[in-house]
């Protein structure tokens, strides 16, 4: 996991997805687009947020500290990278 200081570029509305880990069988999920501070060419991330964090709203343009978890998974020979925001706090 890595902690990064970023600007929020956009966030989707939360939707509920099936989950075996949740008590009621569903888990809130949304996506947030973050860009590191420093200029036009800094790294950007599209991150999934789950559970209570997915229900939080972050305004576009706000500065946040985000704890990001990077992982990969393979499906039918194709490898995909996942970025999950574990915690986000407004500055």
PDB file of N, CA and C in Angstrom:
ATOM      1  N   UNK A   1       0.846  -1.177   0.000  1.00  0.00           N
ATOM      2  CA  UNK A   1       0.000   0.000   0.000  1.00  0.00           C
ATOM      3  C   UNK A   1       0.887   1.234   0.000  1.00  0.00           C
ATOM      4  N   UNK A   2       0.380   2.269  -0.633  1.00  0.00           N
ATOM      5  CA  UNK A   2       1.100   3.527  -0.721  1.00  0.00           C
ATOM      6  C   UNK A   2       0.170   4.674  -0.353  1.00  0.00           C
ATOM      7  N   UNK A   3       0.727   5.681   0.301  1.00  0.00           N
ATOM      8  CA  UNK A   3      -0.028   6.871   0.650  1.00  0.00           C
ATOM      9  C   UNK A   3       0.383   7.992  -0.295  1.00  0.00           C
ATOM     10  N   UNK A   4      -0.590   8.639  -0.902  1.00  0.00           N
ATOM     11  CA  UNK A   4      -0.326   9.675  -1.895  1.00  0.00           C
ATOM     12  C   UNK A   4      -1.186  10.899  -1.614  1.00  0.00           C
ATOM     13  N   UNK A   5      -0.649  12.081  -1.925  1.00  0.00           N
ATOM     14  CA  UNK A   5      -1.419  13.321  -1.853  1.00  0.00           C
ATOM     15  C   UNK A   5      -1.876  13.631  -3.278  1.00  0.00           C
ATOM     16  N   UNK A   6      -3.182  13.779  -3.452  1.00  0.00           N
ATOM     17  CA  UNK A   6      -3.756  13.905  -4.793  1.00  0.00           C
ATOM     18  C   UNK A   6      -4.867  14.943  -4.835  1.00  0.00           C
ATOM     19  N   UNK A   7      -5.194  15.341  -6.060  1.00  0.00           N
ATOM     20  CA  UNK A   7      -6.395  16.126  -6.322  1.00  0.00           C
ATOM     21  C   UNK A   7      -7.452  15.180  -6.872  1.00  0.00           C
ATOM     22  N   UNK A   8      -8.694  15.399  -6.479  1.00  0.00           N
ATOM     23  CA  UNK A   8      -9.811  14.609  -7.000  1.00  0.00           C
ATOM     24  C   UNK A   8     -10.223  15.211  -8.338  1.00  0.00           C
ATOM     25  N   UNK A   9     -10.258  14.378  -9.379  1.00  0.00           N
ATOM     26  CA  UNK A   9     -10.700  14.835 -10.697  1.00  0.00           C
ATOM     27  C   UNK A   9     -12.169  14.518 -10.932  1.00  0.00           C
ATOM     28  N   UNK A  10     -12.616  13.349 -10.482  1.00  0.00           N
ATOM     29  CA  UNK A  10     -14.014  12.950 -10.676  1.00  0.00           C
ATOM     30  C   UNK A  10     -14.329  11.764  -9.782  1.00  0.00           C
ATOM     31  N   UNK A  11     -15.626  11.547  -9.548  1.00  0.00           N
ATOM     32  CA  UNK A  11     -16.086  10.401  -8.768  1.00  0.00           C
ATOM     33  C   UNK A  11     -17.442   9.968  -9.304  1.00  0.00           C
ATOM     34  N   UNK A  12     -17.641   8.656  -9.442  1.00  0.00           N
ATOM     35  CA  UNK A  12     -18.929   8.139  -9.901  1.00  0.00           C
ATOM     36  C   UNK A  12     -19.883   7.997  -8.713  1.00  0.00           C
ATOM     37  N   UNK A  13     -21.142   7.797  -9.021  1.00  0.00           N
ATOM     38  CA  UNK A  13     -22.128   7.493  -7.988  1.00  0.00           C
ATOM     39  C   UNK A  13     -21.917   6.061  -7.501  1.00  0.00           C
ATOM     40  N   UNK A  14     -22.244   5.820  -6.259  1.00  0.00           N
ATOM     41  CA  UNK A  14     -22.108   4.468  -5.701  1.00  0.00           C
ATOM     42  C   UNK A  14     -23.196   3.564  -6.261  1.00  0.00           C
ATOM     43  N   UNK A  15     -22.811   2.332  -6.544  1.00  0.00           N
ATOM     44  CA  UNK A  15     -23.755   1.288  -6.947  1.00  0.00           C
ATOM     45  C   UNK A  15     -23.524   0.106  -6.014  1.00  0.00           C
ATOM     46  N   UNK A  16     -24.481  -0.790  -5.956  1.00  0.00           N
ATOM     47  CA  UNK A  16     -24.334  -1.968  -5.097  1.00  0.00           C
ATOM     48  C   UNK A  16     -24.022  -3.176  -5.960  1.00  0.00           C
ATOM     49  N   UNK A  17     -22.973  -3.897  -5.571  1.00  0.00           N
ATOM     50  CA  UNK A  17     -22.516  -5.072  -6.308  1.00  0.00           C
ATOM     51  C   UNK A  17     -22.612  -6.295  -5.395  1.00  0.00           C
ATOM     52  N   UNK A  18     -22.780  -7.487  -5.977  1.00  0.00           N
ATOM     53  CA  UNK A  18     -22.837  -8.700  -5.158  1.00  0.00           C
ATOM     54  C   UNK A  18     -21.514  -8.926  -4.430  1.00  0.00           C
ATOM     55  N   UNK A  19     -21.597  -9.382  -3.180  1.00  0.00           N
ATOM     56  CA  UNK A  19     -20.389  -9.640  -2.396  1.00  0.00           C
ATOM     57  C   UNK A  19     -20.638 -10.776  -1.414  1.00  0.00           C
ATOM     58  N   UNK A  20     -19.750 -11.746  -1.424  1.00  0.00           N
ATOM     59  CA  UNK A  20     -19.829 -12.843  -0.463  1.00  0.00           C
ATOM     60  C   UNK A  20     -19.322 -12.414   0.911  1.00  0.00           C
ATOM     61  N   UNK A  21     -18.567 -11.319   0.971  1.00  0.00           N
ATOM     62  CA  UNK A  21     -17.989 -10.845   2.231  1.00  0.00           C
ATOM     63  C   UNK A  21     -18.949  -9.977   3.035  1.00  0.00           C
ATOM     64  N   UNK A  22     -19.988  -9.468   2.392  1.00  0.00           N
ATOM     65  CA  UNK A  22     -20.938  -8.587   3.054  1.00  0.00           C
ATOM     66  C   UNK A  22     -22.042  -9.398   3.723  1.00  0.00           C
ATOM     67  N   UNK A  23     -22.547  -8.880   4.829  1.00  0.00           N
ATOM     68  CA  UNK A  23     -23.611  -9.565   5.571  1.00  0.00           C
ATOM     69  C   UNK A  23     -24.890  -9.712   4.757  1.00  0.00           C
ATOM     70  N   UNK A  24     -25.239  -8.672   3.990  1.00  0.00           N
ATOM     71  CA  UNK A  24     -26.484  -8.718   3.224  1.00  0.00           C
ATOM     72  C   UNK A  24     -26.263  -9.131   1.769  1.00  0.00           C
ATOM     73  N   UNK A  25     -25.046  -9.528   1.406  1.00  0.00           N
ATOM     74  CA  UNK A  25     -24.773 -10.017   0.061  1.00  0.00           C
ATOM     75  C   UNK A  25     -24.500  -8.942  -0.967  1.00  0.00           C
ATOM     76  N   UNK A  26     -24.519  -7.665  -0.538  1.00  0.00           N
ATOM     77  CA  UNK A  26     -24.222  -6.559  -1.447  1.00  0.00           C
ATOM     78  C   UNK A  26     -23.252  -5.600  -0.788  1.00  0.00           C
ATOM     79  N   UNK A  27     -22.457  -4.925  -1.638  1.00  0.00           N
ATOM     80  CA  UNK A  27     -21.438  -3.999  -1.154  1.00  0.00           C
ATOM     81  C   UNK A  27     -21.451  -2.760  -2.041  1.00  0.00           C
ATOM     82  N   UNK A  28     -21.397  -1.582  -1.437  1.00  0.00           N
ATOM     83  CA  UNK A  28     -21.347  -0.338  -2.206  1.00  0.00           C
ATOM     84  C   UNK A  28     -19.990  -0.229  -2.893  1.00  0.00           C
ATOM     85  N   UNK A  29     -20.001   0.262  -4.135  1.00  0.00           N
ATOM     86  CA  UNK A  29     -18.770   0.440  -4.907  1.00  0.00           C
ATOM     87  C   UNK A  29     -18.901   1.692  -5.752  1.00  0.00           C
ATOM     88  N   UNK A  30     -17.828   2.471  -5.834  1.00  0.00           N
ATOM     89  CA  UNK A  30     -17.758   3.581  -6.778  1.00  0.00           C
ATOM     90  C   UNK A  30     -16.314   3.724  -7.236  1.00  0.00           C
ATOM     91  N   UNK A  31     -16.116   4.539  -8.255  1.00  0.00           N
ATOM     92  CA  UNK A  31     -14.788   4.784  -8.794  1.00  0.00           C
ATOM     93  C   UNK A  31     -14.439   6.250  -8.575  1.00  0.00           C
ATOM     94  N   UNK A  32     -13.162   6.508  -8.286  1.00  0.00           N
ATOM     95  CA  UNK A  32     -12.687   7.870  -8.108  1.00  0.00           C
ATOM     96  C   UNK A  32     -11.408   8.039  -8.922  1.00  0.00           C
ATOM     97  N   UNK A  33     -11.292   9.186  -9.575  1.00  0.00           N
ATOM     98  CA  UNK A  33     -10.110   9.486 -10.380  1.00  0.00           C
ATOM     99  C   UNK A  33      -9.263  10.500  -9.620  1.00  0.00           C
ATOM    100  N   UNK A  34      -8.018  10.129  -9.349  1.00  0.00           N
ATOM    101  CA  UNK A  34      -7.108  10.954  -8.566  1.00  0.00           C
ATOM    102  C   UNK A  34      -5.872  11.299  -9.387  1.00  0.00           C
ATOM    103  N   UNK A  35      -5.310  12.494  -9.152  1.00  0.00           N
ATOM    104  CA  UNK A  35      -4.079  12.917  -9.827  1.00  0.00           C
ATOM    105  C   UNK A  35      -3.124  13.473  -8.778  1.00  0.00           C
ATOM    106  N   UNK A  36      -1.881  12.991  -8.804  1.00  0.00           N
ATOM    107  CA  UNK A  36      -0.882  13.481  -7.856  1.00  0.00           C
ATOM    108  C   UNK A  36      -0.596  14.957  -8.099  1.00  0.00           C
ATOM    109  N   UNK A  37      -0.241  15.643  -7.033  1.00  0.00           N
ATOM    110  CA  UNK A  37       0.096  17.056  -7.133  1.00  0.00           C
ATOM    111  C   UNK A  37       1.434  17.228  -7.848  1.00  0.00           C
ATOM    112  N   UNK A  38       1.613  18.383  -8.508  1.00  0.00           N
ATOM    113  CA  UNK A  38       2.910  18.675  -9.091  1.00  0.00           C
ATOM    114  C   UNK A  38       2.899  19.170 -10.513  1.00  0.00           C
ATOM    115  N   UNK A  39       1.806  19.016 -11.239  1.00  0.00           N
ATOM    116  CA  UNK A  39       1.798  19.521 -12.605  1.00  0.00           C
ATOM    117  C   UNK A  39       0.942  18.681 -13.532  1.00  0.00           C
ATOM    118  N   UNK A  40       0.988  19.075 -14.813  1.00  0.00           N
ATOM    119  CA  UNK A  40       0.145  18.438 -15.827  1.00  0.00           C
ATOM    120  C   UNK A  40       0.504  16.987 -16.100  1.00  0.00           C
ATOM    121  N   UNK A  41       1.733  16.588 -15.859  1.00  0.00           N
ATOM    122  CA  UNK A  41       2.191  15.261 -16.254  1.00  0.00           C
ATOM    123  C   UNK A  41       2.375  14.299 -15.077  1.00  0.00           C
ATOM    124  N   UNK A  42       1.771  14.601 -13.955  1.00  0.00           N
ATOM    125  CA  UNK A  42       1.871  13.720 -12.791  1.00  0.00           C
ATOM    126  C   UNK A  42       0.991  12.489 -12.991  1.00  0.00           C
ATOM    127  N   UNK A  43       1.254  11.469 -12.185  1.00  0.00           N
ATOM    128  CA  UNK A  43       0.506  10.210 -12.290  1.00  0.00           C
ATOM    129  C   UNK A  43      -0.965  10.400 -11.935  1.00  0.00           C
ATOM    130  N   UNK A  44      -1.821   9.680 -12.664  1.00  0.00           N
ATOM    131  CA  UNK A  44      -3.256   9.640 -12.380  1.00  0.00           C
ATOM    132  C   UNK A  44      -3.655   8.194 -12.097  1.00  0.00           C
ATOM    133  N   UNK A  45      -4.676   8.045 -11.273  1.00  0.00           N
ATOM    134  CA  UNK A  45      -5.156   6.722 -10.897  1.00  0.00           C
ATOM    135  C   UNK A  45      -6.673   6.704 -10.954  1.00  0.00           C
ATOM    136  N   UNK A  46      -7.238   5.630 -11.486  1.00  0.00           N
ATOM    137  CA  UNK A  46      -8.669   5.390 -11.370  1.00  0.00           C
ATOM    138  C   UNK A  46      -8.803   4.279 -10.337  1.00  0.00           C
ATOM    139  N   UNK A  47      -9.451   4.576  -9.231  1.00  0.00           N
ATOM    140  CA  UNK A  47      -9.458   3.693  -8.069  1.00  0.00           C
ATOM    141  C   UNK A  47     -10.875   3.263  -7.722  1.00  0.00           C
ATOM    142  N   UNK A  48     -11.000   2.032  -7.291  1.00  0.00           N
ATOM    143  CA  UNK A  48     -12.267   1.548  -6.758  1.00  0.00           C
ATOM    144  C   UNK A  48     -12.334   1.878  -5.273  1.00  0.00           C
ATOM    145  N   UNK A  49     -13.516   2.217  -4.809  1.00  0.00           N
ATOM    146  CA  UNK A  49     -13.763   2.400  -3.382  1.00  0.00           C
ATOM    147  C   UNK A  49     -14.930   1.500  -3.014  1.00  0.00           C
ATOM    148  N   UNK A  50     -14.834   0.844  -1.871  1.00  0.00           N
ATOM    149  CA  UNK A  50     -15.853  -0.114  -1.453  1.00  0.00           C
ATOM    150  C   UNK A  50     -16.421   0.232  -0.080  1.00  0.00           C
ATOM    151  N   UNK A  51     -17.619  -0.277   0.194  1.00  0.00           N
ATOM    152  CA  UNK A  51     -18.234  -0.146   1.518  1.00  0.00           C
ATOM    153  C   UNK A  51     -18.577   1.283   1.869  1.00  0.00           C
ATOM    154  N   UNK A  52     -18.366   1.636   3.132  1.00  0.00           N
ATOM    155  CA  UNK A  52     -18.702   2.983   3.609  1.00  0.00           C
ATOM    156  C   UNK A  52     -17.915   4.063   2.888  1.00  0.00           C
ATOM    157  N   UNK A  53     -16.670   3.769   2.497  1.00  0.00           N
ATOM    158  CA  UNK A  53     -15.865   4.751   1.774  1.00  0.00           C
ATOM    159  C   UNK A  53     -16.515   5.106   0.438  1.00  0.00           C
ATOM    160  N   UNK A  54     -17.140   4.134  -0.214  1.00  0.00           N
ATOM    161  CA  UNK A  54     -17.796   4.377  -1.501  1.00  0.00           C
ATOM    162  C   UNK A  54     -18.987   5.322  -1.366  1.00  0.00           C
ATOM    163  N   UNK A  55     -19.536   5.436  -0.172  1.00  0.00           N
ATOM    164  CA  UNK A  55     -20.687   6.307   0.053  1.00  0.00           C
ATOM    165  C   UNK A  55     -20.273   7.741   0.369  1.00  0.00           C
ATOM    166  N   UNK A  56     -18.973   7.977   0.601  1.00  0.00           N
ATOM    167  CA  UNK A  56     -18.454   9.324   0.855  1.00  0.00           C
ATOM    168  C   UNK A  56     -18.316  10.078  -0.461  1.00  0.00           C
ATOM    169  N   UNK A  57     -18.612  11.373  -0.434  1.00  0.00           N
ATOM    170  CA  UNK A  57     -18.492  12.221  -1.621  1.00  0.00           C
ATOM    171  C   UNK A  57     -17.267  13.117  -1.478  1.00  0.00           C
ATOM    172  N   UNK A  58     -16.449  13.158  -2.529  1.00  0.00           N
ATOM    173  CA  UNK A  58     -15.278  14.021  -2.565  1.00  0.00           C
ATOM    174  C   UNK A  58     -15.437  14.968  -3.750  1.00  0.00           C
ATOM    175  N   UNK A  59     -15.359  16.269  -3.494  1.00  0.00           N
ATOM    176  CA  UNK A  59     -15.586  17.272  -4.530  1.00  0.00           C
ATOM    177  C   UNK A  59     -14.429  17.306  -5.513  1.00  0.00           C
ATOM    178  N   UNK A  60     -14.768  17.462  -6.788  1.00  0.00           N
ATOM    179  CA  UNK A  60     -13.728  17.619  -7.805  1.00  0.00           C
ATOM    180  C   UNK A  60     -12.897  18.849  -7.480  1.00  0.00           C
ATOM    181  N   UNK A  61     -11.574  18.712  -7.570  1.00  0.00           N
ATOM    182  CA  UNK A  61     -10.667  19.803  -7.259  1.00  0.00           C
ATOM    183  C   UNK A  61     -10.163  19.800  -5.831  1.00  0.00           C
ATOM    184  N   UNK A  62     -10.777  19.004  -4.954  1.00  0.00           N
ATOM    185  CA  UNK A  62     -10.322  18.973  -3.562  1.00  0.00           C
ATOM    186  C   UNK A  62      -9.021  18.177  -3.448  1.00  0.00           C
ATOM    187  N   UNK A  63      -8.229  18.513  -2.463  1.00  0.00           N
ATOM    188  CA  UNK A  63      -6.959  17.835  -2.201  1.00  0.00           C
ATOM    189  C   UNK A  63      -7.189  16.808  -1.107  1.00  0.00           C
ATOM    190  N   UNK A  64      -6.701  15.593  -1.339  1.00  0.00           N
ATOM    191  CA  UNK A  64      -6.912  14.494  -0.402  1.00  0.00           C
ATOM    192  C   UNK A  64      -5.620  13.719  -0.182  1.00  0.00           C
ATOM    193  N   UNK A  65      -5.579  13.009   0.920  1.00  0.00           N
ATOM    194  CA  UNK A  65      -4.542  11.997   1.157  1.00  0.00           C
ATOM    195  C   UNK A  65      -5.229  10.658   0.952  1.00  0.00           C
ATOM    196  N   UNK A  66      -4.658   9.825   0.091  1.00  0.00           N
ATOM    197  CA  UNK A  66      -5.280   8.546  -0.238  1.00  0.00           C
ATOM    198  C   UNK A  66      -4.307   7.405   0.016  1.00  0.00           C
ATOM    199  N   UNK A  67      -4.802   6.360   0.667  1.00  0.00           N
ATOM    200  CA  UNK A  67      -4.037   5.124   0.844  1.00  0.00           C
ATOM    201  C   UNK A  67      -4.511   4.180  -0.256  1.00  0.00           C
ATOM    202  N   UNK A  68      -3.596   3.845  -1.173  1.00  0.00           N
ATOM    203  CA  UNK A  68      -3.940   3.051  -2.350  1.00  0.00           C
ATOM    204  C   UNK A  68      -3.277   1.684  -2.297  1.00  0.00           C
ATOM    205  N   UNK A  69      -4.034   0.666  -2.668  1.00  0.00           N
ATOM    206  CA  UNK A  69      -3.521  -0.700  -2.745  1.00  0.00           C
ATOM    207  C   UNK A  69      -3.474  -1.101  -4.220  1.00  0.00           C
ATOM    208  N   UNK A  70      -2.297  -1.511  -4.696  1.00  0.00           N
ATOM    209  CA  UNK A  70      -2.099  -1.907  -6.087  1.00  0.00           C
ATOM    210  C   UNK A  70      -1.974  -3.423  -6.152  1.00  0.00           C
ATOM    211  N   UNK A  71      -2.722  -4.044  -7.061  1.00  0.00           N
ATOM    212  CA  UNK A  71      -2.632  -5.491  -7.243  1.00  0.00           C
ATOM    213  C   UNK A  71      -2.939  -5.823  -8.695  1.00  0.00           C
ATOM    214  N   UNK A  72      -2.717  -7.079  -9.072  1.00  0.00           N
ATOM    215  CA  UNK A  72      -3.043  -7.531 -10.420  1.00  0.00           C
ATOM    216  C   UNK A  72      -3.857  -8.808 -10.334  1.00  0.00           C
ATOM    217  N   UNK A  73      -4.595  -9.090 -11.392  1.00  0.00           N
ATOM    218  CA  UNK A  73      -5.295 -10.369 -11.508  1.00  0.00           C
ATOM    219  C   UNK A  73      -5.292 -10.779 -12.977  1.00  0.00           C
ATOM    220  N   UNK A  74      -5.420 -12.070 -13.206  1.00  0.00           N
ATOM    221  CA  UNK A  74      -5.373 -12.607 -14.557  1.00  0.00           C
ATOM    222  C   UNK A  74      -6.708 -13.258 -14.905  1.00  0.00           C
ATOM    223  N   UNK A  75      -7.203 -12.965 -16.104  1.00  0.00           N
ATOM    224  CA  UNK A  75      -8.441 -13.556 -16.609  1.00  0.00           C
ATOM    225  C   UNK A  75      -8.178 -14.027 -18.033  1.00  0.00           C
ATOM    226  N   UNK A  76      -8.278 -15.308 -18.254  1.00  0.00           N
ATOM    227  CA  UNK A  76      -8.098 -15.914 -19.571  1.00  0.00           C
ATOM    228  C   UNK A  76      -6.816 -15.444 -20.257  1.00  0.00           C
ATOM    229  N   UNK A  77      -5.738 -15.400 -19.509  1.00  0.00           N
ATOM    230  CA  UNK A  77      -4.435 -15.043 -20.045  1.00  0.00           C
ATOM    231  C   UNK A  77      -4.139 -13.558 -20.112  1.00  0.00           C
ATOM    232  N   UNK A  78      -5.121 -12.704 -19.851  1.00  0.00           N
ATOM    233  CA  UNK A  78      -4.900 -11.256 -19.839  1.00  0.00           C
ATOM    234  C   UNK A  78      -4.694 -10.802 -18.395  1.00  0.00           C
ATOM    235  N   UNK A  79      -3.727  -9.924 -18.186  1.00  0.00           N
ATOM    236  CA  UNK A  79      -3.410  -9.429 -16.848  1.00  0.00           C
ATOM    237  C   UNK A  79      -3.941  -8.006 -16.698  1.00  0.00           C
ATOM    238  N   UNK A  80      -4.619  -7.761 -15.580  1.00  0.00           N
ATOM    239  CA  UNK A  80      -5.205  -6.456 -15.296  1.00  0.00           C
ATOM    240  C   UNK A  80      -4.668  -5.926 -13.976  1.00  0.00           C
ATOM    241  N   UNK A  81      -4.514  -4.605 -13.893  1.00  0.00           N
ATOM    242  CA  UNK A  81      -4.093  -3.986 -12.640  1.00  0.00           C
ATOM    243  C   UNK A  81      -5.306  -3.388 -11.950  1.00  0.00           C
ATOM    244  N   UNK A  82      -5.390  -3.603 -10.648  1.00  0.00           N
ATOM    245  CA  UNK A  82      -6.448  -3.038  -9.823  1.00  0.00           C
ATOM    246  C   UNK A  82      -5.833  -2.027  -8.869  1.00  0.00           C
ATOM    247  N   UNK A  83      -6.515  -0.895  -8.703  1.00  0.00           N
ATOM    248  CA  UNK A  83      -6.126   0.090  -7.702  1.00  0.00           C
ATOM    249  C   UNK A  83      -7.344   0.294  -6.813  1.00  0.00           C
ATOM    250  N   UNK A  84      -7.186   0.018  -5.518  1.00  0.00           N
ATOM    251  CA  UNK A  84      -8.280   0.166  -4.560  1.00  0.00           C
ATOM    252  C   UNK A  84      -7.882   1.216  -3.533  1.00  0.00           C
ATOM    253  N   UNK A  85      -8.731   2.211  -3.353  1.00  0.00           N
ATOM    254  CA  UNK A  85      -8.524   3.210  -2.310  1.00  0.00           C
ATOM    255  C   UNK A  85      -9.007   2.615  -0.995  1.00  0.00           C
ATOM    256  N   UNK A  86      -8.099   2.419  -0.057  1.00  0.00           N
ATOM    257  CA  UNK A  86      -8.447   1.859   1.245  1.00  0.00           C
ATOM    258  C   UNK A  86      -8.932   2.928   2.216  1.00  0.00           C
ATOM    259  N   UNK A  87      -8.406   4.140   2.057  1.00  0.00           N
ATOM    260  CA  UNK A  87      -8.807   5.260   2.912  1.00  0.00           C
ATOM    261  C   UNK A  87      -8.521   6.555   2.160  1.00  0.00           C
ATOM    262  N   UNK A  88      -9.425   7.512   2.292  1.00  0.00           N
ATOM    263  CA  UNK A  88      -9.226   8.845   1.694  1.00  0.00           C
ATOM    264  C   UNK A  88      -9.661   9.876   2.728  1.00  0.00           C
ATOM    265  N   UNK A  89      -8.797  10.889   2.929  1.00  0.00           N
ATOM    266  CA  UNK A  89      -9.086  11.950   3.902  1.00  0.00           C
ATOM    267  C   UNK A  89      -8.877  13.286   3.221  1.00  0.00           C
ATOM    268  N   UNK A  90      -9.852  14.195   3.340  1.00  0.00           N
ATOM    269  CA  UNK A  90      -9.717  15.559   2.821  1.00  0.00           C
ATOM    270  C   UNK A  90      -8.639  16.307   3.585  1.00  0.00           C
ATOM    271  N   UNK A  91      -7.890  17.132   2.874  1.00  0.00           N
ATOM    272  CA  UNK A  91      -6.906  18.016   3.533  1.00  0.00           C
ATOM    273  C   UNK A  91      -7.508  19.384   3.739  1.00  0.00           C
TER     274      UNK A  91
END
